[in-house]
Protein backbone atom coordinates (compact mmCIF):
# COMPACT_ATOMS: atom_id res chain seq x y z
CA MET A 1 84.39 99.04 80.09
CA PRO A 2 81.02 100.85 80.13
CA HIS A 3 80.17 102.35 83.50
CA PRO A 4 76.61 101.94 84.89
CA ASP A 5 75.85 105.55 83.86
CA GLU A 6 76.47 104.50 80.23
CA ARG A 7 79.71 106.47 79.99
CA VAL A 8 83.11 104.91 79.43
CA GLU A 9 85.60 106.01 82.06
CA TYR A 10 89.27 106.34 81.21
CA GLU A 11 92.36 107.85 82.82
CA PHE A 12 95.64 109.34 81.64
CA TRP A 13 98.85 109.55 83.66
CA THR A 14 100.87 112.57 82.64
CA ASN A 15 103.24 115.34 83.71
CA SER A 16 103.59 119.02 82.84
CA ASN A 17 107.38 118.73 82.56
CA ASP A 18 108.50 119.36 78.97
CA GLU A 19 112.22 118.63 79.38
CA CYS A 20 112.19 114.94 80.30
CA GLY A 21 113.09 113.75 76.81
CA PRO A 22 111.22 111.35 74.51
CA GLN A 23 108.66 110.36 77.17
CA CYS A 24 107.49 113.95 77.67
CA ASP A 25 107.50 114.58 73.91
CA GLU A 26 105.37 111.46 73.38
CA GLN A 27 102.81 112.57 75.99
CA ALA A 28 102.56 116.07 74.49
CA ALA A 29 102.14 114.61 71.00
CA PHE A 30 99.35 112.34 72.25
CA VAL A 31 97.45 115.28 73.81
CA ARG A 32 97.71 117.24 70.56
CA ALA A 33 96.62 114.29 68.42
CA PHE A 34 93.80 113.01 70.64
CA ARG A 35 92.51 116.38 71.80
CA GLY A 36 89.79 116.78 69.15
CA HIS A 37 88.50 113.21 69.56
CA ALA A 38 88.43 113.50 73.36
CA GLN A 39 86.51 116.76 73.25
CA LEU A 40 83.88 115.40 70.87
CA LEU A 41 83.34 112.35 73.11
CA GLU A 42 83.05 114.51 76.24
CA LYS A 43 80.70 117.05 74.68
CA ALA A 44 78.41 114.21 73.59
CA GLY A 45 78.44 112.72 77.11
CA TYR A 46 79.95 109.39 76.06
CA VAL A 47 83.01 109.40 78.34
CA LEU A 48 84.31 110.47 81.74
CA PHE A 49 88.00 111.43 81.60
CA THR A 50 90.34 111.84 84.58
CA PRO A 51 93.99 112.98 84.37
CA HIS A 52 96.54 111.93 87.00
CA TYR A 53 99.89 113.58 87.67
CA ILE A 54 102.92 111.63 88.86
CA THR A 55 104.46 112.86 92.13
CA TRP A 56 106.53 111.42 94.96
CA PHE A 57 107.22 112.52 98.52
CA CYS A 58 110.34 113.37 100.50
CA PRO A 59 110.87 111.45 103.79
CA ASP A 60 111.02 113.63 106.89
CA ALA A 61 114.71 112.92 107.44
CA PHE A 62 115.62 114.52 104.07
CA GLN A 63 113.30 117.54 103.99
CA ASP A 64 116.10 120.01 104.71
CA THR A 65 118.38 118.72 101.96
CA PRO A 66 118.96 120.78 98.79
CA GLN A 67 117.33 118.02 96.74
CA CYS A 68 114.03 118.11 98.61
CA LYS A 69 113.97 121.90 98.89
CA ALA A 70 114.38 122.22 95.13
CA GLN A 71 112.03 119.44 94.10
CA CYS A 72 109.21 119.55 96.68
CA ILE A 73 106.44 121.74 98.08
CA ASN A 74 104.28 121.51 101.20
CA ARG A 75 107.09 120.21 103.43
CA GLY A 76 108.00 117.37 101.11
CA ARG A 77 104.49 116.10 100.50
CA TYR A 78 104.55 116.68 96.73
CA CYS A 79 107.75 116.32 94.74
CA SER A 80 108.87 115.98 91.14
CA PRO A 81 112.33 115.31 89.65
CA ASP A 82 114.38 118.29 88.50
CA PRO A 83 113.57 118.85 84.81
CA GLU A 84 117.18 119.13 83.61
CA GLY A 85 118.69 116.91 86.28
CA ASP A 86 120.71 119.89 87.51
CA LEU A 87 119.56 121.52 90.76
CA GLY A 88 121.53 124.65 89.99
CA ALA A 89 120.16 125.36 86.53
CA GLY A 90 116.83 126.11 84.88
CA TYR A 91 113.56 125.20 86.53
CA ASP A 92 113.18 123.08 89.66
CA GLY A 93 111.03 120.06 90.35
CA LYS A 94 108.80 122.16 92.61
CA ASP A 95 107.94 124.33 89.59
CA VAL A 96 106.66 121.20 87.86
CA VAL A 97 104.59 120.24 90.91
CA VAL A 98 102.92 123.66 90.99
CA GLU A 99 101.99 123.49 87.30
CA ASN A 100 100.74 119.90 87.76
CA LEU A 101 98.43 121.14 90.54
CA ARG A 102 97.32 124.05 88.36
CA GLN A 103 96.33 121.66 85.56
CA LEU A 104 94.43 119.49 88.04
CA CYS A 105 92.61 122.61 89.21
CA VAL A 106 91.70 123.48 85.60
CA HIS A 107 90.25 119.97 85.18
CA ARG A 108 88.24 120.21 88.40
CA VAL A 109 86.82 123.66 87.67
CA ALA A 110 86.08 122.74 84.05
CA ASN A 111 84.09 119.72 85.26
CA ALA A 112 82.23 121.83 87.82
CA SER A 113 81.21 124.26 85.07
CA ASN A 114 80.11 121.41 82.74
CA ARG A 115 82.97 122.07 80.32
CA PRO A 116 85.33 119.12 81.01
CA TRP A 117 86.87 119.36 77.54
CA VAL A 118 88.63 122.64 78.49
CA TRP A 119 91.44 120.64 80.14
CA TRP A 120 92.61 119.40 76.73
CA ASP A 121 92.75 122.95 75.38
CA TYR A 122 94.65 124.25 78.39
CA VAL A 123 97.28 121.47 78.46
CA ALA A 124 97.92 121.56 74.71
CA ASP A 125 98.14 125.37 74.62
CA TYR A 126 100.33 125.56 77.72
CA HIS A 127 102.84 123.13 76.23
CA LEU A 128 103.09 125.20 73.05
CA ARG A 129 103.10 128.67 74.62
CA CYS A 130 104.81 128.15 77.99
CA SER A 131 107.83 125.95 77.35
CA MET A 132 110.78 125.65 79.68
CA THR A 133 113.29 126.11 76.85
CA GLU A 134 111.83 129.56 76.13
CA ASN A 135 111.78 130.42 79.86
CA LYS A 136 107.98 130.83 79.82
CA TYR A 137 107.06 127.99 82.20
CA THR A 138 105.42 130.47 84.59
CA ARG A 139 102.21 131.34 86.37
CA ARG A 140 101.83 134.45 84.23
CA CYS A 141 101.93 132.38 81.04
CA ALA A 142 99.39 129.97 82.55
CA GLU A 143 97.04 132.86 83.31
CA ASP A 144 97.41 134.12 79.72
CA VAL A 145 96.39 130.67 78.45
CA VAL A 146 93.32 130.61 80.71
CA ARG A 147 92.28 134.08 79.53
CA SER A 148 92.58 133.02 75.91
CA LEU A 149 90.29 130.04 76.52
CA GLY A 150 87.58 132.20 78.11
CA LYS A 151 86.92 132.88 81.74
CA LEU A 152 85.68 129.99 83.84
CA GLU A 153 82.42 130.84 85.61
CA SER A 154 83.18 132.21 89.08
CA THR A 155 80.52 130.16 90.87
CA ALA A 156 82.06 126.97 89.48
CA VAL A 157 85.43 127.97 90.94
CA LEU A 158 83.80 128.67 94.30
CA LYS A 159 82.00 125.32 94.26
CA ALA A 160 85.24 123.50 93.57
CA THR A 161 86.87 125.30 96.51
CA CYS A 162 83.94 124.74 98.89
CA ALA A 163 83.91 121.02 98.14
CA GLY A 164 87.28 120.80 99.90
CA PHE A 165 85.72 121.59 103.28
CA LYS A 166 84.30 118.94 105.57
CA GLU A 167 80.53 119.28 105.91
CA THR A 168 79.50 121.69 108.70
CA THR A 169 82.96 123.35 108.62
CA GLU A 170 82.53 125.28 105.36
CA PRO A 171 82.63 129.12 105.44
CA HIS A 172 79.40 131.09 105.14
CA VAL A 173 80.01 131.99 101.49
CA CYS A 174 79.58 128.31 100.59
CA LEU A 175 76.00 128.35 101.90
CA THR A 176 74.72 131.48 100.16
CA PRO A 177 71.97 131.51 97.49
CA ASP A 178 74.65 132.08 94.81
CA MET A 179 75.78 128.48 95.36
CA GLU A 180 72.37 126.95 94.68
CA THR A 181 71.81 124.76 91.61
CA ASP A 182 68.71 123.32 89.93
CA GLU A 183 68.25 119.89 91.55
CA CYS A 184 64.88 120.98 92.99
CA LEU A 185 63.47 121.31 89.48
CA ASP A 186 63.44 117.53 89.10
CA ASN A 187 60.41 116.19 91.01
CA ASN A 188 61.02 118.83 93.69
CA GLY A 189 64.13 116.92 94.71
CA GLY A 190 61.92 114.33 96.43
CA CYS A 191 61.09 116.83 99.18
CA TRP A 192 57.79 118.05 100.65
CA LEU A 193 55.80 120.53 98.55
CA ASP A 194 52.56 122.38 99.27
CA GLU A 195 51.01 122.51 95.81
CA LYS A 196 48.47 125.16 96.83
CA THR A 197 51.06 127.71 97.92
CA ASN A 198 54.07 126.28 96.06
CA ILE A 199 56.05 126.35 99.30
CA THR A 200 58.76 123.71 99.28
CA ALA A 201 61.26 122.14 101.64
CA CYS A 202 63.77 121.60 98.80
CA LYS A 203 66.91 123.69 98.90
CA ASP A 204 69.97 123.23 96.71
CA THR A 205 73.52 123.79 97.85
CA TYR A 206 76.86 123.05 96.22
CA ARG A 207 76.77 119.62 97.92
CA GLY A 208 73.37 118.82 96.40
CA ARG A 209 69.77 119.30 97.49
CA ILE A 210 68.61 119.10 101.10
CA CYS A 211 65.02 118.66 102.35
CA GLN A 212 64.55 121.20 105.12
CA CYS A 213 61.29 122.78 106.23
CA PRO A 214 61.53 126.48 105.34
CA VAL A 215 60.85 129.82 106.94
CA VAL A 216 58.38 131.81 104.77
CA GLY A 217 57.30 135.35 105.56
CA GLY A 218 58.66 135.00 109.07
CA VAL A 219 56.62 131.81 109.64
CA GLN A 220 58.58 128.70 110.57
CA TYR A 221 57.61 125.32 109.11
CA GLN A 222 58.48 122.17 111.03
CA GLY A 223 58.58 118.52 109.98
CA ASP A 224 60.85 115.94 108.43
CA GLY A 225 61.16 117.92 105.19
CA TYR A 226 60.35 114.86 103.07
CA THR A 227 56.73 113.99 103.78
CA GLU A 228 55.54 116.78 106.04
CA CYS A 229 56.09 120.42 106.94
CA LYS A 230 53.59 122.37 109.03
CA ALA A 231 53.52 126.06 109.83
CA VAL A 232 53.98 126.77 113.53
CA GLY A 233 53.85 129.88 115.66
CA PRO A 234 51.58 132.94 115.74
CA GLY A 235 51.62 133.59 112.00
CA ARG A 236 50.72 130.08 110.84
CA CYS A 237 47.11 130.96 109.86
CA ALA A 238 48.48 133.30 107.22
CA MET A 239 50.20 130.41 105.44
CA GLY A 240 47.70 128.18 103.66
CA ASN A 241 45.18 128.97 106.36
CA GLY A 242 47.16 126.70 108.67
CA GLY A 243 45.69 123.69 106.87
CA CYS A 244 42.21 124.45 108.24
CA TRP A 245 38.82 124.92 106.60
CA THR A 246 38.19 128.25 104.88
CA GLU A 247 35.38 129.67 102.74
CA THR A 248 34.52 133.03 101.23
CA ARG A 249 30.85 134.19 101.31
CA HIS A 250 29.53 137.53 100.09
CA GLY A 251 33.03 138.96 99.94
CA LYS A 252 33.97 137.84 103.45
CA THR A 253 36.41 135.04 104.23
CA PHE A 254 35.73 132.71 107.13
CA SER A 255 38.34 130.43 108.62
CA ALA A 256 38.52 127.67 111.20
CA CYS A 257 42.18 128.51 111.91
CA SER A 258 42.79 130.00 115.33
CA VAL A 259 46.10 130.67 117.00
CA ILE A 260 46.22 129.46 120.59
CA ARG A 261 48.74 131.37 122.63
């Protein structure tokens, strides 16, 4: 069904395991066959695609068993069945979980860098180049696939990581100018703007724009950030003449702004 943003949203439940028989082969064949169509739809902005990966958890009472240790990570929180059904041979279920998480990360970072179609390339290429039967189902092979697809923009990776922190608990790197976007270019983000000096209260962060009265040239502005910001403190007359009358006559500038200490 069309979503209110005029894109059709659809989801796909999958798994990175390539030794689960006909079901895994069918999923891999679908990704290869539908890949080109999906990428055209995403590049044109017609759809919003979300992959999901099937996992289960290990109850606390069984976390120390060989089964859970071989098939789970994060103290039993994420588990996947052993690929060959033999805990003593080949790859383990926990290897599948790690690759599932890696593919989810590729999807998240690709979306953050406005290249959501990269997920299809990664999954299809990984299945062909990093199979379990050839003993290449590894992190190193995954990194080779990513390199062959082109490096994902570093700021996009950082944004995806920062989004995992609760607001006000994020590290300082998440609040640096490198994380700013362009939301203020659209109607100044709905924030206050002094058109004479082009001073604005709009500031973009990875979470989106905020309206916050700025500090300019050491002068602090105060207000709600949306409808009003006024310069305060000793240097306020230097910023837009403090909002007071001013006039230049015979090369001399006169001002009604006076700082009261």
